[in-house]
């Protein structure tokens, strides 16, 4: 027997016969390729995301530069700052030796000036107390209008001139004509007759009695 030990026999495959990859090898290769693509995508930021971030930063800059809005003033401060209202005019005071005439007028009274003069002639030059009594007992419709006008003149004297109503006299009383309302009444044979509804303006002037 010879001393040479047998060498490990290596099976040599022919060059043309290569091993075909299995399904497991293909799946592993695909998974590795997908992981590499994911790494590349994560490393490179998307352009749309970058544009959105830049727009948000641009909006934050002017918002920080805006000045704070002024606070609203309360109503109490507005009232204090508002100009004070003009004071009411003081009542007219009568000097001791000055003659004052207090006037009151009623316009468009539905009565004729002639009928009103028939009553006012009775109270001209009378005191207020006497004129009230005369008008109260006069049986004419216009006497009520004269009575109301007399009370108005007395109120003007007391409130505006600080006079005493019972110490006044009627200095002047007049009844002037006002506008006439024209109406028509049918008459015989197709005619029409004009109706004149007259009005008047009544005026009273009061003055203090002579001392």
C-alpha atoms as a PDB file:
ATOM      1  CA  UNK A   1       0.000   0.000   0.000  1.00  0.00           C
ATOM      2  CA  UNK A   2       1.168   3.547  -0.725  1.00  0.00           C
ATOM      3  CA  UNK A   3       1.542   6.249   2.020  1.00  0.00           C
ATOM      4  CA  UNK A   4      -0.299   9.008   0.026  1.00  0.00           C
ATOM      5  CA  UNK A   5      -3.585   9.924   1.606  1.00  0.00           C
ATOM      6  CA  UNK A   6      -6.458  10.481  -0.754  1.00  0.00           C
ATOM      7  CA  UNK A   7      -7.288  14.177  -1.323  1.00  0.00           C
ATOM      8  CA  UNK A   8     -10.741  15.508  -0.742  1.00  0.00           C
ATOM      9  CA  UNK A   9     -12.505  15.092  -3.870  1.00  0.00           C
ATOM     10  CA  UNK A  10     -14.249  18.304  -4.997  1.00  0.00           C
ATOM     11  CA  UNK A  11     -17.086  17.985  -7.298  1.00  0.00           C
ATOM     12  CA  UNK A  12     -16.717  20.475 -10.053  1.00  0.00           C
ATOM     13  CA  UNK A  13     -19.784  21.676 -11.730  1.00  0.00           C
ATOM     14  CA  UNK A  14     -19.669  22.475 -15.323  1.00  0.00           C
ATOM     15  CA  UNK A  15     -19.406  26.175 -16.276  1.00  0.00           C
ATOM     16  CA  UNK A  16     -22.636  26.132 -18.188  1.00  0.00           C
ATOM     17  CA  UNK A  17     -24.689  24.729 -15.355  1.00  0.00           C
ATOM     18  CA  UNK A  18     -25.403  27.713 -12.859  1.00  0.00           C
ATOM     19  CA  UNK A  19     -27.671  27.490  -9.817  1.00  0.00           C
ATOM     20  CA  UNK A  20     -31.055  29.088 -10.347  1.00  0.00           C
ATOM     21  CA  UNK A  21     -32.192  31.573  -7.545  1.00  0.00           C
ATOM     22  CA  UNK A  22     -35.003  30.347  -5.414  1.00  0.00           C
ATOM     23  CA  UNK A  23     -38.232  32.205  -4.516  1.00  0.00           C
ATOM     24  CA  UNK A  24     -36.940  32.986  -0.999  1.00  0.00           C
ATOM     25  CA  UNK A  25     -33.815  34.605  -2.447  1.00  0.00           C
ATOM     26  CA  UNK A  26     -35.894  36.759  -4.792  1.00  0.00           C
ATOM     27  CA  UNK A  27     -38.208  37.925  -1.933  1.00  0.00           C
ATOM     28  CA  UNK A  28     -35.206  38.850   0.222  1.00  0.00           C
ATOM     29  CA  UNK A  29     -33.656  40.806  -2.639  1.00  0.00           C
ATOM     30  CA  UNK A  30     -36.909  42.694  -3.245  1.00  0.00           C
ATOM     31  CA  UNK A  31     -37.235  43.595   0.453  1.00  0.00           C
ATOM     32  CA  UNK A  32     -33.659  44.888   0.543  1.00  0.00           C
ATOM     33  CA  UNK A  33     -34.286  47.020  -2.554  1.00  0.00           C
ATOM     34  CA  UNK A  34     -37.476  48.522  -1.032  1.00  0.00           C
ATOM     35  CA  UNK A  35     -35.618  49.402   2.182  1.00  0.00           C
ATOM     36  CA  UNK A  36     -32.949  51.212   0.196  1.00  0.00           C
ATOM     37  CA  UNK A  37     -35.605  53.202  -1.703  1.00  0.00           C
ATOM     38  CA  UNK A  38     -37.335  54.158   1.579  1.00  0.00           C
ATOM     39  CA  UNK A  39     -34.040  55.384   3.004  1.00  0.00           C
ATOM     40  CA  UNK A  40     -33.435  57.513  -0.077  1.00  0.00           C
ATOM     41  CA  UNK A  41     -36.955  59.009   0.048  1.00  0.00           C
ATOM     42  CA  UNK A  42     -36.720  59.825   3.744  1.00  0.00           C
ATOM     43  CA  UNK A  43     -33.334  61.500   3.290  1.00  0.00           C
ATOM     44  CA  UNK A  44     -34.624  63.783   0.506  1.00  0.00           C
ATOM     45  CA  UNK A  45     -37.477  66.114   1.762  1.00  0.00           C
ATOM     46  CA  UNK A  46     -40.451  66.597  -0.503  1.00  0.00           C
ATOM     47  CA  UNK A  47     -40.589  69.985  -2.291  1.00  0.00           C
ATOM     48  CA  UNK A  48     -44.261  70.515  -1.388  1.00  0.00           C
ATOM     49  CA  UNK A  49     -43.533  70.150   2.332  1.00  0.00           C
ATOM     50  CA  UNK A  50     -40.700  72.665   2.074  1.00  0.00           C
ATOM     51  CA  UNK A  51     -42.902  75.219   0.305  1.00  0.00           C
ATOM     52  CA  UNK A  52     -45.637  74.860   2.967  1.00  0.00           C
ATOM     53  CA  UNK A  53     -43.113  75.393   5.775  1.00  0.00           C
ATOM     54  CA  UNK A  54     -41.690  78.490   4.065  1.00  0.00           C
ATOM     55  CA  UNK A  55     -45.202  79.949   3.637  1.00  0.00           C
ATOM     56  CA  UNK A  56     -45.993  79.394   7.322  1.00  0.00           C
ATOM     57  CA  UNK A  57     -42.755  81.111   8.358  1.00  0.00           C
ATOM     58  CA  UNK A  58     -43.548  84.070   6.082  1.00  0.00           C
ATOM     59  CA  UNK A  59     -47.016  84.442   7.672  1.00  0.00           C
ATOM     60  CA  UNK A  60     -45.602  84.301  11.195  1.00  0.00           C
ATOM     61  CA  UNK A  61     -43.175  87.174  10.548  1.00  0.00           C
ATOM     62  CA  UNK A  62     -45.777  89.907   9.663  1.00  0.00           C
ATOM     63  CA  UNK A  63     -48.107  88.676  12.410  1.00  0.00           C
ATOM     64  CA  UNK A  64     -45.370  89.335  14.963  1.00  0.00           C
ATOM     65  CA  UNK A  65     -44.688  92.793  13.469  1.00  0.00           C
ATOM     66  CA  UNK A  66     -48.356  93.924  13.746  1.00  0.00           C
ATOM     67  CA  UNK A  67     -49.002  96.510  16.434  1.00  0.00           C
ATOM     68  CA  UNK A  68     -51.450  95.641  19.211  1.00  0.00           C
ATOM     69  CA  UNK A  69     -54.950  97.040  18.720  1.00  0.00           C
ATOM     70  CA  UNK A  70     -55.902  99.966  20.987  1.00  0.00           C
ATOM     71  CA  UNK A  71     -58.282  99.179  23.773  1.00  0.00           C
ATOM     72  CA  UNK A  72     -61.819 100.415  23.590  1.00  0.00           C
ATOM     73  CA  UNK A  73     -62.629 103.317  25.824  1.00  0.00           C
ATOM     74  CA  UNK A  74     -65.339 102.796  28.370  1.00  0.00           C
ATOM     75  CA  UNK A  75     -68.552 104.821  28.336  1.00  0.00           C
ATOM     76  CA  UNK A  76     -67.560 106.667  31.496  1.00  0.00           C
ATOM     77  CA  UNK A  77     -64.362 107.951  29.864  1.00  0.00           C
ATOM     78  CA  UNK A  78     -66.266 108.963  26.732  1.00  0.00           C
ATOM     79  CA  UNK A  79     -68.732 110.931  28.860  1.00  0.00           C
ATOM     80  CA  UNK A  80     -65.863 112.663  30.622  1.00  0.00           C
ATOM     81  CA  UNK A  81     -64.174 113.578  27.343  1.00  0.00           C
ATOM     82  CA  UNK A  82     -67.413 114.782  25.726  1.00  0.00           C
ATOM     83  CA  UNK A  83     -67.869 118.558  25.859  1.00  0.00           C
ATOM     84  CA  UNK A  84     -70.232 119.803  28.490  1.00  0.00           C
ATOM     85  CA  UNK A  85     -73.717 120.744  27.292  1.00  0.00           C
ATOM     86  CA  UNK A  86     -74.452 124.409  26.916  1.00  0.00           C
ATOM     87  CA  UNK A  87     -76.214 125.830  29.969  1.00  0.00           C
ATOM     88  CA  UNK A  88     -79.863 126.703  29.627  1.00  0.00           C
ATOM     89  CA  UNK A  89     -80.576 130.405  29.236  1.00  0.00           C
ATOM     90  CA  UNK A  90     -81.634 132.046  32.449  1.00  0.00           C
ATOM     91  CA  UNK A  91     -85.104 133.475  32.818  1.00  0.00           C
ATOM     92  CA  UNK A  92     -85.562 137.047  31.843  1.00  0.00           C
ATOM     93  CA  UNK A  93     -85.772 139.205  34.908  1.00  0.00           C
ATOM     94  CA  UNK A  94     -87.683 142.452  34.830  1.00  0.00           C
ATOM     95  CA  UNK A  95     -86.029 145.654  35.899  1.00  0.00           C
ATOM     96  CA  UNK A  96     -88.004 147.716  38.439  1.00  0.00           C
ATOM     97  CA  UNK A  97     -88.869 150.612  36.111  1.00  0.00           C
ATOM     98  CA  UNK A  98     -89.084 148.664  32.833  1.00  0.00           C
ATOM     99  CA  UNK A  99     -92.400 147.959  31.126  1.00  0.00           C
ATOM    100  CA  UNK A 100     -92.872 144.343  30.026  1.00  0.00           C
ATOM    101  CA  UNK A 101     -95.354 143.035  27.475  1.00  0.00           C
ATOM    102  CA  UNK A 102     -96.214 139.347  27.564  1.00  0.00           C
ATOM    103  CA  UNK A 103     -97.633 138.033  24.299  1.00  0.00           C
ATOM    104  CA  UNK A 104     -99.794 135.033  23.463  1.00  0.00           C
ATOM    105  CA  UNK A 105    -101.326 134.199  20.090  1.00  0.00           C
ATOM    106  CA  UNK A 106    -103.812 131.651  18.777  1.00  0.00           C
ATOM    107  CA  UNK A 107    -103.775 131.146  14.999  1.00  0.00           C
ATOM    108  CA  UNK A 108    -106.349 129.699  12.607  1.00  0.00           C
ATOM    109  CA  UNK A 109    -109.223 129.833  15.086  1.00  0.00           C
ATOM    110  CA  UNK A 110    -112.387 128.632  13.352  1.00  0.00           C
ATOM    111  CA  UNK A 111    -114.419 131.789  13.794  1.00  0.00           C
ATOM    112  CA  UNK A 112    -114.681 135.050  11.899  1.00  0.00           C
ATOM    113  CA  UNK A 113    -112.694 138.066  13.021  1.00  0.00           C
ATOM    114  CA  UNK A 114    -115.899 140.100  13.346  1.00  0.00           C
ATOM    115  CA  UNK A 115    -117.417 137.694  15.881  1.00  0.00           C
ATOM    116  CA  UNK A 116    -114.155 137.551  17.833  1.00  0.00           C
ATOM    117  CA  UNK A 117    -113.969 141.362  18.025  1.00  0.00           C
ATOM    118  CA  UNK A 118    -117.436 141.515  19.577  1.00  0.00           C
ATOM    119  CA  UNK A 119    -116.018 139.663  22.605  1.00  0.00           C
ATOM    120  CA  UNK A 120    -112.524 141.129  22.815  1.00  0.00           C
ATOM    121  CA  UNK A 121    -113.924 144.669  23.027  1.00  0.00           C
ATOM    122  CA  UNK A 122    -115.351 143.796  26.460  1.00  0.00           C
ATOM    123  CA  UNK A 123    -112.033 142.752  28.024  1.00  0.00           C
ATOM    124  CA  UNK A 124    -109.683 145.389  26.557  1.00  0.00           C
ATOM    125  CA  UNK A 125    -107.963 147.319  29.363  1.00  0.00           C
ATOM    126  CA  UNK A 126    -109.390 145.081  32.107  1.00  0.00           C
ATOM    127  CA  UNK A 127    -107.417 143.233  34.749  1.00  0.00           C
ATOM    128  CA  UNK A 128    -106.888 139.493  34.469  1.00  0.00           C
ATOM    129  CA  UNK A 129    -109.445 138.755  37.201  1.00  0.00           C
ATOM    130  CA  UNK A 130    -112.102 140.920  35.571  1.00  0.00           C
ATOM    131  CA  UNK A 131    -111.416 139.489  32.102  1.00  0.00           C
ATOM    132  CA  UNK A 132    -111.819 135.945  33.439  1.00  0.00           C
ATOM    133  CA  UNK A 133    -115.204 136.787  34.930  1.00  0.00           C
ATOM    134  CA  UNK A 134    -116.417 138.504  31.757  1.00  0.00           C
ATOM    135  CA  UNK A 135    -115.374 135.643  29.481  1.00  0.00           C
ATOM    136  CA  UNK A 136    -116.924 133.070  31.804  1.00  0.00           C
ATOM    137  CA  UNK A 137    -120.329 134.796  31.540  1.00  0.00           C
ATOM    138  CA  UNK A 138    -120.247 135.734  27.837  1.00  0.00           C
ATOM    139  CA  UNK A 139    -122.766 133.559  25.881  1.00  0.00           C
ATOM    140  CA  UNK A 140    -120.669 133.290  22.698  1.00  0.00           C
ATOM    141  CA  UNK A 141    -118.724 130.325  21.390  1.00  0.00           C
ATOM    142  CA  UNK A 142    -115.565 132.352  20.738  1.00  0.00           C
ATOM    143  CA  UNK A 143    -115.447 133.339  24.427  1.00  0.00           C
ATOM    144  CA  UNK A 144    -113.922 129.914  25.234  1.00  0.00           C
ATOM    145  CA  UNK A 145    -111.091 130.540  22.738  1.00  0.00           C
ATOM    146  CA  UNK A 146    -110.404 133.921  24.326  1.00  0.00           C
ATOM    147  CA  UNK A 147    -110.400 132.355  27.787  1.00  0.00           C
ATOM    148  CA  UNK A 148    -107.841 129.703  26.782  1.00  0.00           C
ATOM    149  CA  UNK A 149    -105.647 132.345  25.181  1.00  0.00           C
ATOM    150  CA  UNK A 150    -105.806 134.501  28.319  1.00  0.00           C
ATOM    151  CA  UNK A 151    -104.661 131.590  30.517  1.00  0.00           C
ATOM    152  CA  UNK A 152    -101.791 130.910  28.103  1.00  0.00           C
ATOM    153  CA  UNK A 153    -100.635 134.522  28.318  1.00  0.00           C
ATOM    154  CA  UNK A 154    -100.754 134.406  32.131  1.00  0.00           C
ATOM    155  CA  UNK A 155     -98.671 131.190  32.142  1.00  0.00           C
ATOM    156  CA  UNK A 156     -96.087 132.829  29.875  1.00  0.00           C
ATOM    157  CA  UNK A 157     -95.802 135.775  32.226  1.00  0.00           C
ATOM    158  CA  UNK A 158     -95.360 133.580  35.306  1.00  0.00           C
ATOM    159  CA  UNK A 159     -92.876 131.073  33.830  1.00  0.00           C
ATOM    160  CA  UNK A 160     -90.825 133.248  31.470  1.00  0.00           C
ATOM    161  CA  UNK A 161     -90.837 136.645  33.194  1.00  0.00           C
ATOM    162  CA  UNK A 162     -91.420 135.737  36.878  1.00  0.00           C
ATOM    163  CA  UNK A 163     -94.517 137.905  37.133  1.00  0.00           C
ATOM    164  CA  UNK A 164     -97.616 137.376  39.220  1.00  0.00           C
ATOM    165  CA  UNK A 165    -100.625 136.532  37.069  1.00  0.00           C
ATOM    166  CA  UNK A 166    -103.277 138.254  39.177  1.00  0.00           C
ATOM    167  CA  UNK A 167    -101.353 141.544  39.061  1.00  0.00           C
ATOM    168  CA  UNK A 168    -101.465 141.826  35.275  1.00  0.00           C
ATOM    169  CA  UNK A 169    -103.786 143.761  32.996  1.00  0.00           C
ATOM    170  CA  UNK A 170    -104.727 143.379  29.327  1.00  0.00           C
ATOM    171  CA  UNK A 171    -102.732 146.007  27.460  1.00  0.00           C
ATOM    172  CA  UNK A 172    -103.855 145.016  23.965  1.00  0.00           C
ATOM    173  CA  UNK A 173    -106.215 142.492  22.402  1.00  0.00           C
ATOM    174  CA  UNK A 174    -106.755 142.052  18.657  1.00  0.00           C
ATOM    175  CA  UNK A 175    -108.545 139.706  16.275  1.00  0.00           C
ATOM    176  CA  UNK A 176    -107.121 139.576  12.744  1.00  0.00           C
ATOM    177  CA  UNK A 177    -108.502 137.777   9.715  1.00  0.00           C
ATOM    178  CA  UNK A 178    -106.984 134.453   8.700  1.00  0.00           C
ATOM    179  CA  UNK A 179    -107.297 132.377   5.532  1.00  0.00           C
ATOM    180  CA  UNK A 180    -110.799 131.559   4.326  1.00  0.00           C
ATOM    181  CA  UNK A 181    -111.799 127.998   3.465  1.00  0.00           C
ATOM    182  CA  UNK A 182    -114.014 127.825   0.397  1.00  0.00           C
ATOM    183  CA  UNK A 183    -116.768 125.238   0.138  1.00  0.00           C
ATOM    184  CA  UNK A 184    -119.777 124.914  -2.182  1.00  0.00           C
ATOM    185  CA  UNK A 185    -123.418 124.064  -1.626  1.00  0.00           C
ATOM    186  CA  UNK A 186    -125.640 122.739  -4.452  1.00  0.00           C
ATOM    187  CA  UNK A 187    -128.638 124.915  -5.178  1.00  0.00           C
ATOM    188  CA  UNK A 188    -131.650 124.854  -7.502  1.00  0.00           C
ATOM    189  CA  UNK A 189    -131.448 124.625 -11.278  1.00  0.00           C
ATOM    190  CA  UNK A 190    -127.961 123.071 -11.182  1.00  0.00           C
ATOM    191  CA  UNK A 191    -126.261 126.029  -9.575  1.00  0.00           C
ATOM    192  CA  UNK A 192    -123.754 126.039  -6.704  1.00  0.00           C
ATOM    193  CA  UNK A 193    -123.356 128.635  -3.980  1.00  0.00           C
ATOM    194  CA  UNK A 194    -119.997 129.356  -2.372  1.00  0.00           C
ATOM    195  CA  UNK A 195    -119.632 128.904   1.395  1.00  0.00           C
ATOM    196  CA  UNK A 196    -116.858 130.881   3.108  1.00  0.00           C
ATOM    197  CA  UNK A 197    -115.503 129.281   6.292  1.00  0.00           C
ATOM    198  CA  UNK A 198    -113.529 132.118   7.826  1.00  0.00           C
ATOM    199  CA  UNK A 199    -110.666 131.876  10.322  1.00  0.00           C
ATOM    200  CA  UNK A 200    -108.976 134.417  12.562  1.00  0.00           C
ATOM    201  CA  UNK A 201    -105.764 135.023  14.519  1.00  0.00           C
ATOM    202  CA  UNK A 202    -106.270 136.102  18.140  1.00  0.00           C
ATOM    203  CA  UNK A 203    -103.592 138.030  20.072  1.00  0.00           C
ATOM    204  CA  UNK A 204    -103.390 139.186  23.707  1.00  0.00           C
ATOM    205  CA  UNK A 205    -100.740 141.406  25.277  1.00  0.00           C
ATOM    206  CA  UNK A 206    -100.433 141.554  29.067  1.00  0.00           C
ATOM    207  CA  UNK A 207     -98.514 144.084  31.156  1.00  0.00           C
ATOM    208  CA  UNK A 208     -98.083 144.657  34.899  1.00  0.00           C
ATOM    209  CA  UNK A 209    -100.519 147.036  36.553  1.00  0.00           C
ATOM    210  CA  UNK A 210     -99.281 150.605  37.093  1.00  0.00           C
ATOM    211  CA  UNK A 211     -98.252 151.110  40.740  1.00  0.00           C
END
